[in-house]
C-alpha cells in the first residue's frame, strides 16, 4: 500500500525542521541527517514517531571520538517506538572492537522462552482453576523455592550453563528435575553459547561463601511488559515446521518473557557509567547520552554483559521448571518440550560486526523466532530468513503505541475482548491492555512481505500472568 502523499509531506516537513530528511517506498522509510542514516520497515497503517526517528539517528551516529570504532549500519523493525535512550525495535551493527552499553541498557538478554506443555486446550480447560491457583501462588505470590549453590553461579558465569546445571542441588525446585533434558535444551537457546562471562563482573551477593543462596530475582517474572502466558495453537501455516516443533492445532504452549532482572541492572548501570567516564576530556559530550567503548574495554563489556545474559537464561529456565512442576499432576507423564529461547536485548558478535538488538530478535536463516502480540492479540512462531539488509533480524513483538505513563491516565474498560489476565496489580490491566499495543497483523505482514521471516504457527492467548 503506497504512503499517502499528504501524510508523507507533513511528516517530511516536521522532520526537516530537525534536520532530518525522509523518503518512503514499499513500507520502507529511508532517513538521514548530517550525522547518520538509517532504514525503517514500517507499514503505512502504523505511525512513524518523531522521537523514535531522532533516537535511531542518534544511535546510528555513535562513534569513538578518537576513531577507534563506530556504527556501520542501523535499521529498525515494525515494532519501532521510542525508548528511554535508544529506540525499541532498533538493530545496529558496529565494528568488532566497539560496543554501545546504553543501547542495550539494563534489561540485558530480555527474551522469550516457548514450551509445549503436552496438554491440549480441551484437557487444560478441565483444570483451568487449578492452573490459575497454582501459578498464581508460585509466580505472583512468591510461593517458590529456587535454591542455588554459590559455586553454581560461579560456574555459570565462568564456564557456562552446562556447568551450572551440573551444580544444581537436589532440593526445592530442583528436586527430581530432569537434568539431562535441561542439558539437551541448551541447543534450543538462540545465541546462548556465544555469550562469554567472568564471575568478577557479577554482583558479589551471588558469590557469597554459602552452600545455598535464594536470590529474590531467581525465577522472577518482573514487571512492565514481562509476562507468562499460556497460548493455544490456533492455526498452522507450515505443517513441516510445526511438526518439527512438536506442535499441532489445539496444543497448549507457554511463553515466558523476562530477562536478567537485578543482575542486568547491576551490569548495565556500571558499564553505561564507565562508558561515559571514558569520554576524552576536552571533547564535548554528545547530547543523546549514548557512549561507546572500544578495544579491550569493549571486550570486557561483552564479558560483563554475558554474565547478565547467562543469568537471564537461568531465570527463564527456572520459571519454565516451575511451570513444569506445577503442571506435573495435570499433564502426566510430562511431555513438555522447549521449542526455543530467543533474546531481544543483547549484543551478539556476528561475522564482522557486533550486532546490537534493542527490542529486536535474531532471525537467521532457518532459525526460530517469536513475535508476540498483546495479551489480547495473536502471537506467532516464525522462521527467520536471514535477510542481510535487516541484519538478519525481526521484531520482538507488536510494539507499544501508547506510552505506559499515558495509559495510567486512561479510563478504559478492562474487558476489551476475551483475553484474561491474572495479576495482583490492577494497574497492569490498564498499562498492558491490548489497545496499548500495535495490532500484530500489519507488523507480521510487513516482515513477511519484506522477506525477513515466514510464519509457521499462530498462537492465541488463553491465560496471561503479569506481576
Protein backbone atom coordinates (compact mmCIF):
# COMPACT_ATOMS: atom_id res chain seq x y z
CA UNK A 1 0.00 0.00 0.00
CA UNK A 2 1.62 3.32 -1.00
CA UNK A 3 2.09 6.02 1.58
CA UNK A 4 -0.39 8.87 1.08
CA UNK A 5 1.42 11.89 -0.31
CA UNK A 6 -0.24 14.32 2.08
CA UNK A 7 0.71 12.32 5.15
CA UNK A 8 4.29 11.89 4.00
CA UNK A 9 4.57 15.57 3.08
CA UNK A 10 3.53 16.64 6.58
CA UNK A 11 5.96 14.15 8.09
CA UNK A 12 8.79 15.32 5.87
CA UNK A 13 8.21 18.95 6.84
CA UNK A 14 8.10 18.19 10.56
CA UNK A 15 11.29 16.13 10.47
CA UNK A 16 13.00 18.57 8.13
CA UNK A 17 12.78 21.22 10.84
CA UNK A 18 15.01 18.90 12.90
CA UNK A 19 17.44 18.49 10.01
CA UNK A 20 16.12 15.02 9.16
CA UNK A 21 15.32 14.01 5.59
CA UNK A 22 12.88 11.17 4.94
CA UNK A 23 11.59 9.19 1.97
CA UNK A 24 9.15 6.29 1.83
CA UNK A 25 8.53 3.44 -0.57
CA UNK A 26 7.17 -0.11 -0.23
CA UNK A 27 6.84 0.04 3.57
CA UNK A 28 10.42 1.28 3.98
CA UNK A 29 11.50 4.67 5.33
CA UNK A 30 14.96 5.96 4.46
CA UNK A 31 16.02 8.61 7.00
CA UNK A 32 19.20 10.63 7.33
CA UNK A 33 20.68 13.80 8.74
CA UNK A 34 24.19 15.24 8.61
CA UNK A 35 25.48 12.70 11.13
CA UNK A 36 23.91 9.38 10.15
CA UNK A 37 21.43 7.37 8.08
CA UNK A 38 19.07 4.50 8.88
CA UNK A 39 16.30 2.37 7.38
CA UNK A 40 12.93 1.59 8.99
CA UNK A 41 10.48 -1.13 7.97
CA UNK A 42 7.04 0.17 8.87
CA UNK A 43 3.71 -0.32 7.09
CA UNK A 44 1.65 2.71 6.14
CA UNK A 45 -1.05 1.82 8.67
CA UNK A 46 1.33 2.30 11.63
CA UNK A 47 2.62 5.72 12.74
CA UNK A 48 6.22 6.85 12.47
CA UNK A 49 7.07 8.61 15.75
CA UNK A 50 9.37 11.63 15.66
CA UNK A 51 11.10 10.80 18.93
CA UNK A 52 11.89 7.27 17.76
CA UNK A 53 13.34 8.61 14.49
CA UNK A 54 15.59 11.05 16.37
CA UNK A 55 16.70 8.31 18.74
CA UNK A 56 17.54 5.93 15.88
CA UNK A 57 19.67 8.53 14.12
CA UNK A 58 21.40 9.33 17.42
CA UNK A 59 22.07 5.63 17.85
CA UNK A 60 23.40 5.39 14.27
CA UNK A 61 25.75 8.34 14.80
CA UNK A 62 27.67 6.95 17.79
CA UNK A 63 31.41 6.70 17.21
CA UNK A 64 34.61 6.69 19.18
CA UNK A 65 35.80 10.33 19.20
CA UNK A 66 39.36 9.16 18.53
CA UNK A 67 38.41 6.97 15.58
CA UNK A 68 38.62 3.56 17.25
CA UNK A 69 35.16 2.30 16.29
CA UNK A 70 31.77 3.35 15.01
CA UNK A 71 28.30 2.28 13.92
CA UNK A 72 28.40 0.67 10.48
CA UNK A 73 24.68 0.16 9.79
CA UNK A 74 21.36 0.98 11.50
CA UNK A 75 17.83 -0.19 10.84
CA UNK A 76 14.55 -0.81 12.67
CA UNK A 77 11.76 -3.39 12.61
CA UNK A 78 8.00 -2.60 12.59
CA UNK A 79 7.60 -2.65 16.38
CA UNK A 80 9.71 0.52 16.30
CA UNK A 81 8.85 3.06 19.02
CA UNK A 82 10.70 5.40 21.43
CA UNK A 83 12.72 4.03 24.32
CA UNK A 84 14.34 5.74 27.29
CA UNK A 85 17.52 6.47 25.31
CA UNK A 86 17.68 4.10 22.32
CA UNK A 87 14.51 3.23 20.37
CA UNK A 88 12.85 -0.15 20.76
CA UNK A 89 12.95 -2.21 17.58
CA UNK A 90 16.41 -0.96 16.61
CA UNK A 91 19.19 -3.06 15.12
CA UNK A 92 22.65 -1.51 14.91
CA UNK A 93 25.89 -3.08 13.73
CA UNK A 94 29.20 -1.69 14.97
CA UNK A 95 32.78 -2.51 14.15
CA UNK A 96 34.06 -5.57 16.07
CA UNK A 97 36.08 -3.54 18.55
CA UNK A 98 33.23 -1.21 19.51
CA UNK A 99 30.09 -1.53 21.68
CA UNK A 100 27.42 0.85 23.00
CA UNK A 101 26.28 -0.24 26.51
CA UNK A 102 23.39 2.25 26.71
CA UNK A 103 21.92 0.81 23.52
CA UNK A 104 21.18 -2.39 25.45
CA UNK A 105 20.59 -0.74 28.81
CA UNK A 106 19.83 -2.71 31.96
CA UNK A 107 17.30 -5.30 30.74
CA UNK A 108 20.11 -7.44 29.31
CA UNK A 109 19.04 -10.58 27.46
CA UNK A 110 15.40 -9.92 27.96
CA UNK A 111 13.90 -12.65 25.83
CA UNK A 112 11.14 -15.19 25.37
CA UNK A 113 11.05 -18.93 26.04
CA UNK A 114 8.37 -21.04 24.37
CA UNK A 115 7.45 -24.52 25.61
CA UNK A 116 4.85 -27.02 24.59
CA UNK A 117 3.02 -28.38 27.65
CA UNK A 118 1.82 -31.73 26.37
CA UNK A 119 -1.75 -30.59 27.03
CA UNK A 120 -4.49 -29.88 24.55
CA UNK A 121 -6.86 -26.98 25.15
CA UNK A 122 -9.67 -29.43 25.96
CA UNK A 123 -7.52 -31.03 28.66
CA UNK A 124 -6.32 -27.70 30.03
CA UNK A 125 -9.84 -26.29 30.27
CA UNK A 126 -10.78 -29.12 32.65
CA UNK A 127 -8.02 -27.97 35.03
CA UNK A 128 -8.14 -24.22 34.44
CA UNK A 129 -8.93 -23.23 38.03
CA UNK A 130 -6.12 -25.44 39.34
CA UNK A 131 -3.63 -24.00 36.86
CA UNK A 132 -4.61 -20.45 37.80
CA UNK A 133 -4.35 -21.18 41.53
CA UNK A 134 -1.01 -22.98 41.34
CA UNK A 135 0.68 -20.49 39.01
CA UNK A 136 -0.66 -17.51 40.95
CA UNK A 137 0.93 -18.90 44.10
CA UNK A 138 4.38 -19.61 42.67
CA UNK A 139 4.66 -16.78 40.12
CA UNK A 140 2.78 -13.88 41.72
CA UNK A 141 2.71 -14.71 45.45
CA UNK A 142 6.38 -15.72 45.79
CA UNK A 143 5.47 -19.29 46.67
CA UNK A 144 8.60 -20.74 45.10
CA UNK A 145 11.81 -22.28 46.43
CA UNK A 146 14.70 -21.82 43.99
CA UNK A 147 17.96 -22.62 45.85
CA UNK A 148 21.27 -22.25 44.01
CA UNK A 149 24.78 -23.04 45.20
CA UNK A 150 27.13 -20.05 45.11
CA UNK A 151 29.54 -22.44 43.36
CA UNK A 152 26.78 -22.92 40.80
CA UNK A 153 26.61 -19.23 40.00
CA UNK A 154 30.39 -19.08 39.75
CA UNK A 155 30.29 -22.00 37.34
CA UNK A 156 27.53 -20.30 35.33
CA UNK A 157 29.47 -17.07 34.92
CA UNK A 158 32.94 -18.57 34.41
CA UNK A 159 32.13 -21.75 32.49
CA UNK A 160 28.58 -21.57 31.20
CA UNK A 161 25.12 -23.11 31.53
CA UNK A 162 26.30 -26.73 31.20
CA UNK A 163 28.47 -26.40 34.31
CA UNK A 164 25.63 -24.64 36.14
CA UNK A 165 23.20 -27.50 35.51
CA UNK A 166 25.77 -29.95 36.89
CA UNK A 167 25.87 -27.89 40.11
CA UNK A 168 22.12 -27.86 40.75
CA UNK A 169 21.23 -29.03 44.28
CA UNK A 170 18.66 -31.79 44.72
CA UNK A 171 16.34 -29.67 46.88
CA UNK A 172 13.50 -27.22 46.32
CA UNK A 173 12.59 -26.66 42.68
CA UNK A 174 15.42 -28.90 41.51
CA UNK A 175 14.34 -31.99 43.42
CA UNK A 176 13.79 -34.63 40.77
CA UNK A 177 14.41 -32.21 37.88
CA UNK A 178 15.41 -33.82 34.58
CA UNK A 179 18.99 -32.59 34.25
CA UNK A 180 19.59 -34.47 31.00
CA UNK A 181 16.64 -32.66 29.46
CA UNK A 182 17.96 -29.29 30.67
CA UNK A 183 21.34 -30.03 29.08
CA UNK A 184 19.73 -31.08 25.80
CA UNK A 185 17.55 -27.96 25.73
CA UNK A 186 20.57 -25.66 25.70
CA UNK A 187 20.77 -26.30 21.96
CA UNK A 188 17.39 -24.53 21.53
CA UNK A 189 18.60 -21.31 23.21
CA UNK A 190 19.48 -18.85 20.46
CA UNK A 191 22.89 -17.21 20.93
CA UNK A 192 23.45 -18.63 24.42
CA UNK A 193 26.66 -20.45 23.58
CA UNK A 194 28.10 -17.25 22.11
CA UNK A 195 27.92 -15.27 25.36
CA UNK A 196 31.18 -15.05 27.28
CA UNK A 197 31.38 -14.36 31.00
CA UNK A 198 33.58 -13.86 34.05
CA UNK A 199 32.33 -14.07 37.62
CA UNK A 200 34.34 -10.97 38.57
CA UNK A 201 31.70 -8.92 36.76
CA UNK A 202 28.80 -10.43 38.74
CA UNK A 203 27.17 -8.97 41.87
CA UNK A 204 29.04 -10.11 44.97
CA UNK A 205 25.77 -11.24 46.60
CA UNK A 206 25.58 -14.17 44.15
CA UNK A 207 29.08 -15.37 45.01
CA UNK A 208 28.85 -15.46 48.80
CA UNK A 209 30.64 -18.34 50.50
CA UNK A 210 27.41 -20.10 51.41
CA UNK A 211 26.16 -23.54 50.46
CA UNK A 212 22.79 -22.34 49.18
CA UNK A 213 21.50 -18.95 48.04
CA UNK A 214 17.92 -17.97 47.27
CA UNK A 215 18.18 -14.73 45.26
CA UNK A 216 14.92 -12.75 45.14
CA UNK A 217 15.32 -12.41 41.36
CA UNK A 218 15.52 -16.16 40.76
CA UNK A 219 12.54 -17.35 38.69
CA UNK A 220 11.32 -13.75 38.80
CA UNK A 221 8.95 -12.57 36.10
CA UNK A 222 9.48 -8.87 36.73
CA UNK A 223 7.06 -6.07 35.91
CA UNK A 224 6.21 -3.90 32.89
CA UNK A 225 5.60 -5.82 29.69
CA UNK A 226 7.02 -9.09 31.03
CA UNK A 227 4.62 -11.99 31.19
CA UNK A 228 3.99 -15.70 31.45
CA UNK A 229 1.27 -16.70 29.01
CA UNK A 230 -0.49 -19.92 28.15
CA UNK A 231 -1.37 -19.95 24.44
CA UNK A 232 -3.25 -22.32 22.19
CA UNK A 233 -2.07 -23.31 18.72
CA UNK A 234 -4.92 -21.90 16.65
CA UNK A 235 -3.51 -22.11 13.13
CA UNK A 236 -0.64 -23.97 11.47
CA UNK A 237 0.78 -22.28 8.36
CA UNK A 238 3.80 -24.53 7.84
CA UNK A 239 2.94 -28.10 8.82
CA UNK A 240 6.51 -29.34 8.38
CA UNK A 241 7.90 -26.66 10.69
CA UNK A 242 5.10 -27.24 13.20
CA UNK A 243 5.78 -30.98 13.13
CA UNK A 244 9.46 -30.32 13.82
CA UNK A 245 8.43 -28.21 16.81
CA UNK A 246 6.06 -30.94 18.01
CA UNK A 247 3.01 -28.68 17.71
CA UNK A 248 -0.49 -29.43 16.45
CA UNK A 249 -3.66 -27.39 16.33
CA UNK A 250 -5.25 -27.21 19.78
CA UNK A 251 -1.99 -27.74 21.70
CA UNK A 252 -1.30 -25.54 24.74
CA UNK A 253 2.05 -23.75 24.94
CA UNK A 254 3.68 -21.44 27.48
CA UNK A 255 5.55 -18.23 26.60
CA UNK A 256 7.85 -16.78 29.27
CA UNK A 257 9.02 -13.20 28.69
CA UNK A 258 11.55 -11.84 31.17
CA UNK A 259 15.25 -11.03 31.48
CA UNK A 260 18.22 -10.71 33.81
CA UNK A 261 16.42 -8.67 36.50
CA UNK A 262 18.75 -7.15 39.14
CA UNK A 263 21.88 -8.70 37.60
CA UNK A 264 21.20 -6.89 34.34
CA UNK A 265 20.51 -3.70 36.25
CA UNK A 266 23.81 -4.05 38.11
CA UNK A 267 25.85 -4.73 34.97
CA UNK A 268 24.07 -2.24 32.73
CA UNK A 269 24.32 0.71 35.10
CA UNK A 270 28.00 0.12 35.87
CA UNK A 271 29.02 -0.13 32.21
CA UNK A 272 26.91 2.77 30.98
CA UNK A 273 28.58 4.93 33.62
CA UNK A 274 32.04 3.61 32.72
CA UNK A 275 31.44 4.41 29.04
CA UNK A 276 30.51 7.97 29.98
CA UNK A 277 33.61 8.29 32.18
CA UNK A 278 35.85 7.13 29.32
CA UNK A 279 34.85 10.07 27.14
CA UNK A 280 38.04 12.10 26.47
CA UNK A 281 38.49 15.34 28.37
CA UNK A 282 38.24 18.45 26.25
CA UNK A 283 35.76 16.93 23.79
CA UNK A 284 32.12 17.97 24.03
CA UNK A 285 29.83 15.23 25.29
CA UNK A 286 27.05 14.06 22.93
CA UNK A 287 23.59 15.31 23.86
CA UNK A 288 21.96 11.92 23.29
CA UNK A 289 23.90 10.23 26.12
CA UNK A 290 24.99 7.21 24.08
CA UNK A 291 28.66 6.45 24.69
CA UNK A 292 30.72 3.70 23.10
CA UNK A 293 33.55 1.56 24.40
CA UNK A 294 36.38 0.44 22.14
CA UNK A 295 39.24 -2.03 22.19
CA UNK A 296 39.87 -4.01 25.38
CA UNK A 297 37.04 -2.25 27.22
CA UNK A 298 34.60 -3.35 24.53
CA UNK A 299 35.65 -6.96 25.05
CA UNK A 300 35.36 -6.54 28.81
CA UNK A 301 31.83 -5.21 28.39
CA UNK A 302 30.86 -8.23 26.30
CA UNK A 303 32.03 -10.49 29.12
CA UNK A 304 30.12 -8.47 31.73
CA UNK A 305 27.05 -8.43 29.50
CA UNK A 306 27.46 -12.19 29.12
CA UNK A 307 27.19 -12.60 32.89
CA UNK A 308 23.77 -10.93 32.83
CA UNK A 309 22.78 -12.81 29.66
CA UNK A 310 23.57 -16.15 31.28
CA UNK A 311 21.61 -15.13 34.37
CA UNK A 312 18.61 -14.27 32.16
CA UNK A 313 18.80 -17.78 30.69
CA UNK A 314 18.78 -19.21 34.24
CA UNK A 315 15.81 -17.01 35.16
CA UNK A 316 13.67 -18.16 32.22
CA UNK A 317 14.79 -21.76 32.64
CA UNK A 318 13.82 -21.73 36.34
CA UNK A 319 10.41 -20.22 35.53
CA UNK A 320 9.86 -22.94 32.94
CA UNK A 321 10.73 -25.61 35.50
CA UNK A 322 8.25 -24.07 37.93
CA UNK A 323 5.55 -24.38 35.30
CA UNK A 324 6.54 -27.98 34.57
CA UNK A 325 6.44 -28.83 38.27
CA UNK A 326 3.02 -27.25 38.80
CA UNK A 327 1.59 -29.00 35.74
CA UNK A 328 3.09 -32.35 36.75
CA UNK A 329 -0.09 -33.65 38.33
CA UNK A 330 -2.18 -32.47 35.40
CA UNK A 331 -0.13 -33.49 32.38
CA UNK A 332 1.13 -36.94 33.27
CA UNK A 333 3.52 -38.08 32.04
CA UNK A 334 5.39 -34.81 31.45
CA UNK A 335 5.52 -34.40 27.67
CA UNK A 336 6.59 -30.75 27.71
CA UNK A 337 9.27 -29.62 25.31
CA UNK A 338 11.36 -26.47 24.86
CA UNK A 339 10.80 -25.12 21.36
CA UNK A 340 13.01 -22.03 21.52
CA UNK A 341 14.52 -19.47 23.88
CA UNK A 342 15.34 -16.29 21.96
CA UNK A 343 16.87 -12.97 23.15
CA UNK A 344 15.90 -9.48 22.05
CA UNK A 345 18.12 -7.18 24.08
CA UNK A 346 21.80 -8.08 23.64
CA UNK A 347 24.94 -7.52 21.61
CA UNK A 348 25.87 -10.56 19.50
CA UNK A 349 29.09 -10.91 17.53
CA UNK A 350 28.03 -11.93 14.03
CA UNK A 351 30.60 -12.05 11.27
CA UNK A 352 32.50 -8.77 11.18
CA UNK A 353 30.02 -6.86 13.35
CA UNK A 354 28.82 -6.50 16.90
CA UNK A 355 25.07 -6.51 16.29
CA UNK A 356 23.14 -4.55 18.94
CA UNK A 357 19.49 -5.56 19.09
CA UNK A 358 17.33 -3.28 21.24
CA UNK A 359 13.91 -4.90 21.31
CA UNK A 360 14.55 -6.84 18.13
CA UNK A 361 15.19 -10.55 17.60
CA UNK A 362 17.79 -12.58 15.70
CA UNK A 363 16.18 -14.10 12.58
CA UNK A 364 18.93 -16.04 10.85
CA UNK A 365 18.09 -18.44 8.03
CA UNK A 366 16.07 -21.36 9.40
CA UNK A 367 16.15 -20.09 12.98
CA UNK A 368 13.05 -19.95 15.19
CA UNK A 369 11.90 -16.53 16.39
CA UNK A 370 8.85 -15.34 18.33
CA UNK A 371 6.65 -12.34 17.60
CA UNK A 372 4.11 -11.95 20.41
CA UNK A 373 1.18 -9.59 20.15
CA UNK A 374 -0.56 -8.12 23.17
CA UNK A 375 -2.34 -10.37 25.66
CA UNK A 376 -5.49 -9.79 23.59
CA UNK A 377 -3.92 -10.47 20.19
CA UNK A 378 -2.23 -13.36 18.44
CA UNK A 379 1.40 -14.36 18.76
CA UNK A 380 3.46 -16.06 16.07
CA UNK A 381 6.18 -18.66 15.95
CA UNK A 382 8.19 -17.83 12.83
CA UNK A 383 11.25 -18.96 10.93
CA UNK A 384 13.96 -16.45 10.14
CA UNK A 385 15.03 -15.96 6.53
CA UNK A 386 18.38 -14.32 7.28
CA UNK A 387 17.77 -11.06 5.37
CA UNK A 388 21.12 -9.22 5.21
CA UNK A 389 19.60 -5.76 4.66
CA UNK A 390 17.89 -6.07 8.06
CA UNK A 391 20.94 -7.57 9.78
CA UNK A 392 19.23 -10.97 9.98
CA UNK A 393 16.68 -9.67 12.48
CA UNK A 394 12.95 -9.31 13.02
CA UNK A 395 10.66 -7.58 15.50
CA UNK A 396 10.34 -8.87 19.07
CA UNK A 397 6.63 -8.17 19.23
CA UNK A 398 3.96 -5.79 18.04
CA UNK A 399 5.37 -2.76 19.87
CA UNK A 400 3.66 -0.21 22.08
CA UNK A 401 1.53 2.52 20.56
CA UNK A 402 0.58 4.20 23.87
CA UNK A 403 3.27 5.02 26.42
CA UNK A 404 2.83 3.27 29.76
CA UNK A 405 2.73 6.65 31.53
CA UNK A 406 -0.13 7.76 29.29
CA UNK A 407 -2.19 4.61 29.84
CA UNK A 408 -2.25 5.33 33.56
CA UNK A 409 -4.40 8.37 32.87
CA UNK A 410 -6.83 6.42 30.72
CA UNK A 411 -10.21 5.25 31.98
CA UNK A 412 -10.65 2.45 29.51
CA UNK A 413 -12.82 -0.60 30.20
CA UNK A 414 -10.94 -3.62 31.48
CA UNK A 415 -12.74 -6.05 29.20
CA UNK A 416 -11.87 -5.35 25.56
CA UNK A 417 -12.07 -8.92 24.29
CA UNK A 418 -11.88 -12.46 25.56
CA UNK A 419 -8.40 -12.07 26.99
CA UNK A 420 -7.82 -12.99 30.62
CA UNK A 421 -5.01 -11.54 32.72
CA UNK A 422 -4.16 -12.83 36.19
CA UNK A 423 -2.37 -10.18 38.23
CA UNK A 424 -2.21 -8.84 41.77
CA UNK A 425 -1.76 -5.30 40.47
CA UNK A 426 -4.89 -3.85 38.93
CA UNK A 427 -2.95 -1.11 37.13
CA UNK A 428 -1.41 -3.80 34.88
CA UNK A 429 -4.83 -4.28 33.28
CA UNK A 430 -4.67 -0.67 32.08
CA UNK A 431 -0.93 -0.35 31.36
CA UNK A 432 -0.77 -3.62 29.42
CA UNK A 433 -4.25 -3.57 27.85
CA UNK A 434 -4.34 -4.75 24.21
CA UNK A 435 -5.14 -1.22 22.98
CA UNK A 436 -1.79 -0.01 24.33
CA UNK A 437 -0.06 -2.09 21.64
CA UNK A 438 0.03 -2.01 17.87
CA UNK A 439 -2.01 -4.68 16.07
CA UNK A 440 0.37 -7.54 15.40
CA UNK A 441 -1.11 -8.38 11.97
CA UNK A 442 0.47 -5.49 9.98
CA UNK A 443 3.74 -5.94 11.90
CA UNK A 444 3.92 -9.58 10.84
CA UNK A 445 2.74 -8.98 7.28
CA UNK A 446 5.29 -6.25 6.58
CA UNK A 447 8.13 -8.54 7.64
CA UNK A 448 6.86 -11.48 5.60
CA UNK A 449 6.49 -9.32 2.51
CA UNK A 450 9.98 -7.87 3.00
CA UNK A 451 11.49 -11.35 3.35
CA UNK A 452 12.61 -11.19 7.00
CA UNK A 453 10.57 -14.12 8.31
CA UNK A 454 7.99 -16.75 7.44
CA UNK A 455 5.15 -17.51 9.87
CA UNK A 456 4.82 -21.14 10.94
CA UNK A 457 2.26 -21.19 13.78
CA UNK A 458 -0.35 -18.75 15.12
CA UNK A 459 -0.93 -18.79 18.88
CA UNK A 460 -4.00 -17.45 20.68
CA UNK A 461 -3.68 -16.25 24.30
CA UNK A 462 -5.54 -18.31 26.88
CA UNK A 463 -4.22 -17.17 30.28
CA UNK A 464 -1.73 -14.35 30.88
CA UNK A 465 0.10 -13.85 34.20
CA UNK A 466 1.62 -10.42 34.93
CA UNK A 467 3.39 -9.35 38.10
